[in-house]
PDB file of N, CA and C in Angstrom:
ATOM      1  N   UNK A   1     -13.765 -10.646   5.580  1.00  0.00           N
ATOM      2  CA  UNK A   1     -13.825  -9.348   4.781  1.00  0.00           C
ATOM      3  C   UNK A   1     -12.969 -10.141   3.247  1.00  0.00           C
ATOM      4  N   UNK A   2     -14.072  -9.760   2.095  1.00  0.00           N
ATOM      5  CA  UNK A   2     -13.750  -9.125   0.819  1.00  0.00           C
ATOM      6  C   UNK A   2     -13.137  -8.612   0.468  1.00  0.00           C
ATOM      7  N   UNK A   3     -12.183  -9.024  -0.650  1.00  0.00           N
ATOM      8  CA  UNK A   3     -11.582  -8.324  -1.421  1.00  0.00           C
ATOM      9  C   UNK A   3     -11.461  -6.454  -1.557  1.00  0.00           C
ATOM     10  N   UNK A   4     -13.058  -5.981  -1.846  1.00  0.00           N
ATOM     11  CA  UNK A   4     -13.609  -4.902  -1.886  1.00  0.00           C
ATOM     12  C   UNK A   4     -13.218  -4.126  -0.742  1.00  0.00           C
ATOM     13  N   UNK A   5     -13.919  -4.547   0.422  1.00  0.00           N
ATOM     14  CA  UNK A   5     -14.053  -4.154   2.066  1.00  0.00           C
ATOM     15  C   UNK A   5     -12.646  -3.856   2.575  1.00  0.00           C
ATOM     16  N   UNK A   6     -11.480  -5.395   1.738  1.00  0.00           N
ATOM     17  CA  UNK A   6     -10.557  -5.608   2.374  1.00  0.00           C
ATOM     18  C   UNK A   6      -8.884  -3.562   1.417  1.00  0.00           C
ATOM     19  N   UNK A   7      -9.569  -3.391   0.545  1.00  0.00           N
ATOM     20  CA  UNK A   7      -8.971  -2.075  -0.226  1.00  0.00           C
ATOM     21  C   UNK A   7      -9.994  -0.971   0.202  1.00  0.00           C
ATOM     22  N   UNK A   8     -10.919  -1.072   0.295  1.00  0.00           N
ATOM     23  CA  UNK A   8     -11.387   0.329   0.539  1.00  0.00           C
ATOM     24  C   UNK A   8     -10.543   0.142   2.351  1.00  0.00           C
ATOM     25  N   UNK A   9     -10.690  -0.389   2.649  1.00  0.00           N
ATOM     26  CA  UNK A   9     -10.398  -0.500   4.708  1.00  0.00           C
ATOM     27  C   UNK A   9      -8.877   0.024   4.251  1.00  0.00           C
ATOM     28  N   UNK A  10      -7.471  -0.156   3.253  1.00  0.00           N
ATOM     29  CA  UNK A  10      -6.015   0.024   3.128  1.00  0.00           C
ATOM     30  C   UNK A  10      -6.584   1.737   2.613  1.00  0.00           C
ATOM     31  N   UNK A  11      -6.918   1.559   1.988  1.00  0.00           N
ATOM     32  CA  UNK A  11      -7.703   3.056   1.369  1.00  0.00           C
ATOM     33  C   UNK A  11      -7.265   4.296   1.886  1.00  0.00           C
ATOM     34  N   UNK A  12      -8.420   3.775   2.724  1.00  0.00           N
ATOM     35  CA  UNK A  12      -8.195   4.897   3.838  1.00  0.00           C
ATOM     36  C   UNK A  12      -7.467   4.760   5.045  1.00  0.00           C
ATOM     37  N   UNK A  13      -7.018   4.062   5.421  1.00  0.00           N
ATOM     38  CA  UNK A  13      -5.903   3.925   6.504  1.00  0.00           C
ATOM     39  C   UNK A  13      -4.180   4.856   5.613  1.00  0.00           C
ATOM     40  N   UNK A  14      -4.439   4.233   4.473  1.00  0.00           N
ATOM     41  CA  UNK A  14      -3.462   5.235   3.293  1.00  0.00           C
ATOM     42  C   UNK A  14      -3.195   6.802   3.573  1.00  0.00           C
ATOM     43  N   UNK A  15      -5.483   6.580   3.738  1.00  0.00           N
ATOM     44  CA  UNK A  15      -5.213   8.666   3.642  1.00  0.00           C
ATOM     45  C   UNK A  15      -5.028   9.031   5.068  1.00  0.00           C
ATOM     46  N   UNK A  16      -5.227   8.390   5.916  1.00  0.00           N
ATOM     47  CA  UNK A  16      -4.844   8.733   7.142  1.00  0.00           C
ATOM     48  C   UNK A  16      -3.867   8.608   7.752  1.00  0.00           C
ATOM     49  N   UNK A  17      -2.579   7.411   7.344  1.00  0.00           N
ATOM     50  CA  UNK A  17      -1.691   7.466   7.832  1.00  0.00           C
ATOM     51  C   UNK A  17      -0.539   7.167   7.139  1.00  0.00           C
ATOM     52  N   UNK A  18      -0.210   7.927   6.472  1.00  0.00           N
ATOM     53  CA  UNK A  18       0.495   7.741   4.957  1.00  0.00           C
ATOM     54  C   UNK A  18       1.337   8.998   5.144  1.00  0.00           C
ATOM     55  N   UNK A  19       1.699   9.746   6.567  1.00  0.00           N
ATOM     56  CA  UNK A  19       2.346  10.542   6.766  1.00  0.00           C
ATOM     57  C   UNK A  19       3.722   9.390   7.349  1.00  0.00           C
ATOM     58  N   UNK A  20       3.306   8.031   8.037  1.00  0.00           N
ATOM     59  CA  UNK A  20       4.126   6.907   8.671  1.00  0.00           C
ATOM     60  C   UNK A  20       5.112   6.844   6.968  1.00  0.00           C
ATOM     61  N   UNK A  21       5.049   6.082   6.015  1.00  0.00           N
ATOM     62  CA  UNK A  21       5.181   5.833   5.403  1.00  0.00           C
ATOM     63  C   UNK A  21       6.402   6.315   4.986  1.00  0.00           C
ATOM     64  N   UNK A  22       7.022   5.633   4.331  1.00  0.00           N
ATOM     65  CA  UNK A  22       8.522   6.313   3.692  1.00  0.00           C
ATOM     66  C   UNK A  22       7.881   6.364   1.945  1.00  0.00           C
ATOM     67  N   UNK A  23       8.366   7.275   1.212  1.00  0.00           N
ATOM     68  CA  UNK A  23       8.709   8.212  -0.230  1.00  0.00           C
ATOM     69  C   UNK A  23       7.631   7.008  -0.930  1.00  0.00           C
ATOM     70  N   UNK A  24       8.968   5.998  -0.717  1.00  0.00           N
ATOM     71  CA  UNK A  24       9.016   5.085  -1.677  1.00  0.00           C
ATOM     72  C   UNK A  24       7.538   4.274  -1.515  1.00  0.00           C
ATOM     73  N   UNK A  25       6.855   3.637  -0.388  1.00  0.00           N
ATOM     74  CA  UNK A  25       6.038   2.981  -0.070  1.00  0.00           C
ATOM     75  C   UNK A  25       4.452   3.589  -0.146  1.00  0.00           C
ATOM     76  N   UNK A  26       4.862   5.257  -0.355  1.00  0.00           N
ATOM     77  CA  UNK A  26       3.499   5.631  -0.360  1.00  0.00           C
ATOM     78  C   UNK A  26       3.353   5.996  -1.932  1.00  0.00           C
ATOM     79  N   UNK A  27       4.203   5.796  -2.899  1.00  0.00           N
ATOM     80  CA  UNK A  27       4.025   6.048  -4.150  1.00  0.00           C
ATOM     81  C   UNK A  27       3.530   4.986  -4.074  1.00  0.00           C
ATOM     82  N   UNK A  28       4.420   3.683  -4.353  1.00  0.00           N
ATOM     83  CA  UNK A  28       4.399   2.262  -4.745  1.00  0.00           C
ATOM     84  C   UNK A  28       2.894   2.198  -4.303  1.00  0.00           C
ATOM     85  N   UNK A  29       2.214   1.916  -3.549  1.00  0.00           N
ATOM     86  CA  UNK A  29       0.631   2.243  -2.687  1.00  0.00           C
ATOM     87  C   UNK A  29      -0.028   3.469  -3.871  1.00  0.00           C
ATOM     88  N   UNK A  30       0.037   4.473  -4.729  1.00  0.00           N
ATOM     89  CA  UNK A  30      -0.661   5.338  -4.895  1.00  0.00           C
ATOM     90  C   UNK A  30      -0.757   4.835  -6.624  1.00  0.00           C
ATOM     91  N   UNK A  31       0.247   4.111  -6.971  1.00  0.00           N
ATOM     92  CA  UNK A  31       0.286   3.816  -8.323  1.00  0.00           C
ATOM     93  C   UNK A  31      -0.134   2.415  -8.180  1.00  0.00           C
ATOM     94  N   UNK A  32      -0.415   1.895  -7.079  1.00  0.00           N
ATOM     95  CA  UNK A  32      -1.126   0.412  -7.166  1.00  0.00           C
ATOM     96  C   UNK A  32      -2.798   0.552  -7.337  1.00  0.00           C
ATOM     97  N   UNK A  33      -2.778   1.570  -5.947  1.00  0.00           N
ATOM     98  CA  UNK A  33      -4.397   1.371  -6.040  1.00  0.00           C
ATOM     99  C   UNK A  33      -5.322   2.796  -6.259  1.00  0.00           C
ATOM    100  N   UNK A  34      -3.685   3.582  -6.841  1.00  0.00           N
ATOM    101  CA  UNK A  34      -5.105   4.960  -7.656  1.00  0.00           C
ATOM    102  C   UNK A  34      -5.621   4.356  -8.860  1.00  0.00           C
ATOM    103  N   UNK A  35      -3.312   4.625  -8.797  1.00  0.00           N
ATOM    104  CA  UNK A  35      -3.352   4.342 -10.778  1.00  0.00           C
ATOM    105  C   UNK A  35      -3.746   3.040 -11.286  1.00  0.00           C
ATOM    106  N   UNK A  36      -3.980   1.959 -10.485  1.00  0.00           N
ATOM    107  CA  UNK A  36      -4.580   0.607 -10.967  1.00  0.00           C
ATOM    108  C   UNK A  36      -3.398   0.440 -12.318  1.00  0.00           C
ATOM    109  N   UNK A  37      -2.049   0.231 -12.145  1.00  0.00           N
ATOM    110  CA  UNK A  37      -1.314  -0.001 -12.116  1.00  0.00           C
ATOM    111  C   UNK A  37      -0.614  -2.002 -12.312  1.00  0.00           C
ATOM    112  N   UNK A  38      -0.170  -2.069 -12.949  1.00  0.00           N
ATOM    113  CA  UNK A  38       0.224  -4.044 -11.996  1.00  0.00           C
ATOM    114  C   UNK A  38       1.663  -3.743 -12.018  1.00  0.00           C
ATOM    115  N   UNK A  39       2.554  -4.866 -11.137  1.00  0.00           N
ATOM    116  CA  UNK A  39       3.395  -4.742 -10.482  1.00  0.00           C
ATOM    117  C   UNK A  39       4.352  -4.765 -11.751  1.00  0.00           C
ATOM    118  N   UNK A  40       3.996  -4.999 -13.107  1.00  0.00           N
ATOM    119  CA  UNK A  40       5.393  -4.678 -13.726  1.00  0.00           C
ATOM    120  C   UNK A  40       5.525  -3.245 -14.334  1.00  0.00           C
ATOM    121  N   UNK A  41       4.096  -2.670 -14.442  1.00  0.00           N
ATOM    122  CA  UNK A  41       3.957  -0.963 -14.725  1.00  0.00           C
ATOM    123  C   UNK A  41       4.789  -0.365 -13.648  1.00  0.00           C
ATOM    124  N   UNK A  42       4.140  -0.524 -12.886  1.00  0.00           N
ATOM    125  CA  UNK A  42       5.146  -0.031 -11.444  1.00  0.00           C
ATOM    126  C   UNK A  42       6.658   0.214 -11.485  1.00  0.00           C
ATOM    127  N   UNK A  43       7.093  -1.033 -11.202  1.00  0.00           N
ATOM    128  CA  UNK A  43       8.574  -1.508 -11.423  1.00  0.00           C
ATOM    129  C   UNK A  43       9.157  -0.926 -13.339  1.00  0.00           C
ATOM    130  N   UNK A  44       8.725  -0.829 -13.516  1.00  0.00           N
ATOM    131  CA  UNK A  44       9.155   0.005 -15.014  1.00  0.00           C
ATOM    132  C   UNK A  44       9.489   1.572 -14.691  1.00  0.00           C
ATOM    133  N   UNK A  45       8.473   1.810 -13.890  1.00  0.00           N
ATOM    134  CA  UNK A  45       8.393   3.201 -13.523  1.00  0.00           C
ATOM    135  C   UNK A  45       9.820   3.588 -12.100  1.00  0.00           C
ATOM    136  N   UNK A  46       9.271   3.041 -10.938  1.00  0.00           N
ATOM    137  CA  UNK A  46      10.109   3.077 -10.695  1.00  0.00           C
ATOM    138  C   UNK A  46      12.141   2.543 -10.556  1.00  0.00           C
ATOM    139  N   UNK A  47      12.111   1.915 -11.437  1.00  0.00           N
ATOM    140  CA  UNK A  47      13.747   1.126 -12.138  1.00  0.00           C
ATOM    141  C   UNK A  47      13.690   0.043 -10.568  1.00  0.00           C
ATOM    142  N   UNK A  48      12.582  -0.855 -10.803  1.00  0.00           N
ATOM    143  CA  UNK A  48      12.781  -2.069  -9.584  1.00  0.00           C
ATOM    144  C   UNK A  48      12.015  -3.124 -10.353  1.00  0.00           C
ATOM    145  N   UNK A  49      12.303  -4.329  -9.355  1.00  0.00           N
ATOM    146  CA  UNK A  49      11.990  -5.275 -10.395  1.00  0.00           C
ATOM    147  C   UNK A  49      10.611  -6.009  -9.706  1.00  0.00           C
ATOM    148  N   UNK A  50      10.211  -6.612 -10.629  1.00  0.00           N
ATOM    149  CA  UNK A  50       7.968  -6.868  -9.640  1.00  0.00           C
ATOM    150  C   UNK A  50       8.120  -7.138  -8.995  1.00  0.00           C
ATOM    151  N   UNK A  51       9.083  -8.006  -8.148  1.00  0.00           N
ATOM    152  CA  UNK A  51       8.708  -8.738  -6.764  1.00  0.00           C
ATOM    153  C   UNK A  51       8.981  -7.750  -5.634  1.00  0.00           C
ATOM    154  N   UNK A  52      10.393  -7.040  -6.126  1.00  0.00           N
ATOM    155  CA  UNK A  52      10.635  -5.834  -5.361  1.00  0.00           C
ATOM    156  C   UNK A  52       9.177  -4.773  -4.986  1.00  0.00           C
ATOM    157  N   UNK A  53       8.384  -4.644  -5.816  1.00  0.00           N
ATOM    158  CA  UNK A  53       7.131  -3.926  -6.260  1.00  0.00           C
ATOM    159  C   UNK A  53       6.204  -4.511  -5.059  1.00  0.00           C
ATOM    160  N   UNK A  54       6.045  -6.033  -5.252  1.00  0.00           N
ATOM    161  CA  UNK A  54       5.681  -6.961  -4.591  1.00  0.00           C
ATOM    162  C   UNK A  54       5.171  -6.285  -3.026  1.00  0.00           C
ATOM    163  N   UNK A  55       6.895  -6.761  -2.414  1.00  0.00           N
ATOM    164  CA  UNK A  55       7.597  -6.524  -1.175  1.00  0.00           C
ATOM    165  C   UNK A  55       7.031  -5.249  -0.256  1.00  0.00           C
ATOM    166  N   UNK A  56       7.617  -4.347  -0.979  1.00  0.00           N
ATOM    167  CA  UNK A  56       7.250  -3.269  -0.770  1.00  0.00           C
ATOM    168  C   UNK A  56       5.803  -2.864  -0.604  1.00  0.00           C
ATOM    169  N   UNK A  57       4.693  -3.370  -1.330  1.00  0.00           N
ATOM    170  CA  UNK A  57       3.861  -3.503  -1.091  1.00  0.00           C
ATOM    171  C   UNK A  57       2.861  -4.194  -0.388  1.00  0.00           C
ATOM    172  N   UNK A  58       3.299  -5.226   0.268  1.00  0.00           N
ATOM    173  CA  UNK A  58       3.207  -6.441   1.584  1.00  0.00           C
ATOM    174  C   UNK A  58       3.479  -5.774   2.664  1.00  0.00           C
ATOM    175  N   UNK A  59       4.707  -5.292   2.645  1.00  0.00           N
ATOM    176  CA  UNK A  59       5.458  -4.727   3.429  1.00  0.00           C
ATOM    177  C   UNK A  59       4.523  -3.503   4.067  1.00  0.00           C
ATOM    178  N   UNK A  60       4.059  -2.419   2.938  1.00  0.00           N
ATOM    179  CA  UNK A  60       2.975  -1.468   3.185  1.00  0.00           C
ATOM    180  C   UNK A  60       1.401  -1.833   3.926  1.00  0.00           C
ATOM    181  N   UNK A  61       1.202  -2.513   3.087  1.00  0.00           N
ATOM    182  CA  UNK A  61      -0.115  -3.011   3.608  1.00  0.00           C
ATOM    183  C   UNK A  61       0.323  -3.790   5.490  1.00  0.00           C
ATOM    184  N   UNK A  62       1.078  -4.157   5.271  1.00  0.00           N
ATOM    185  CA  UNK A  62       0.967  -4.811   6.931  1.00  0.00           C
ATOM    186  C   UNK A  62       1.122  -3.556   8.125  1.00  0.00           C
ATOM    187  N   UNK A  63       1.999  -2.295   7.840  1.00  0.00           N
ATOM    188  CA  UNK A  63       2.342  -1.406   7.876  1.00  0.00           C
ATOM    189  C   UNK A  63       1.397  -0.732   8.490  1.00  0.00           C
ATOM    190  N   UNK A  64       0.462  -0.779   7.868  1.00  0.00           N
ATOM    191  CA  UNK A  64      -1.196  -0.010   7.674  1.00  0.00           C
ATOM    192  C   UNK A  64      -2.048  -0.663   8.755  1.00  0.00           C
ATOM    193  N   UNK A  65      -1.973  -2.076   8.453  1.00  0.00           N
ATOM    194  CA  UNK A  65      -3.069  -2.799   9.116  1.00  0.00           C
ATOM    195  C   UNK A  65      -2.946  -2.705  10.793  1.00  0.00           C
ATOM    196  N   UNK A  66      -1.005  -2.680  11.028  1.00  0.00           N
ATOM    197  CA  UNK A  66      -0.654  -2.904  12.279  1.00  0.00           C
ATOM    198  C   UNK A  66      -1.341  -1.088  12.526  1.00  0.00           C
ATOM    199  N   UNK A  67      -0.924  -0.499  12.137  1.00  0.00           N
ATOM    200  CA  UNK A  67      -1.630   1.069  12.692  1.00  0.00           C
ATOM    201  C   UNK A  67      -3.446   0.866  12.744  1.00  0.00           C
ATOM    202  N   UNK A  68      -3.857   0.229  12.125  1.00  0.00           N
ATOM    203  CA  UNK A  68      -5.166  -0.436  12.637  1.00  0.00           C
ATOM    204  C   UNK A  68      -6.263  -1.034  13.881  1.00  0.00           C
ATOM    205  N   UNK A  69      -4.655  -1.690  13.380  1.00  0.00           N
ATOM    206  CA  UNK A  69      -5.173  -2.774  14.957  1.00  0.00           C
ATOM    207  C   UNK A  69      -4.300  -1.953  16.283  1.00  0.00           C
ATOM    208  N   UNK A  70      -3.456  -0.693  16.411  1.00  0.00           N
ATOM    209  CA  UNK A  70      -2.792  -0.240  17.650  1.00  0.00           C
ATOM    210  C   UNK A  70      -3.565   1.122  17.994  1.00  0.00           C
ATOM    211  N   UNK A  71      -4.276   1.368  17.159  1.00  0.00           N
ATOM    212  CA  UNK A  71      -5.020   2.840  16.905  1.00  0.00           C
ATOM    213  C   UNK A  71      -6.301   2.825  16.786  1.00  0.00           C
ATOM    214  N   UNK A  72      -7.180   2.086  16.012  1.00  0.00           N
ATOM    215  CA  UNK A  72      -8.811   1.869  15.976  1.00  0.00           C
ATOM    216  C   UNK A  72      -9.046   1.125  16.490  1.00  0.00           C
ATOM    217  N   UNK A  73      -8.737  -0.437  16.989  1.00  0.00           N
ATOM    218  CA  UNK A  73      -9.602  -1.521  17.234  1.00  0.00           C
ATOM    219  C   UNK A  73     -10.026  -1.179  18.935  1.00  0.00           C
ATOM    220  N   UNK A  74      -9.102  -0.101  19.434  1.00  0.00           N
ATOM    221  CA  UNK A  74      -8.995  -0.642  20.931  1.00  0.00           C
ATOM    222  C   UNK A  74     -10.495   0.083  21.186  1.00  0.00           C
TER     223      UNK A  74
END
């Protein structure tokens, strides 16, 4: 799966399952994918480190893919 397909899948999953994410996960996902902000820009907005943003985004992607695997691939 290329990056564009992966990005589209994650955005679609976010639109379906965002209510299962934390407020922080939703905010970071929206800033990164919809506002197209960098880790540094998001870290300034959220008053955290870039590595914290990277980790939160990674956990969010894993969580969304878990929903996909468990609920949609069956």
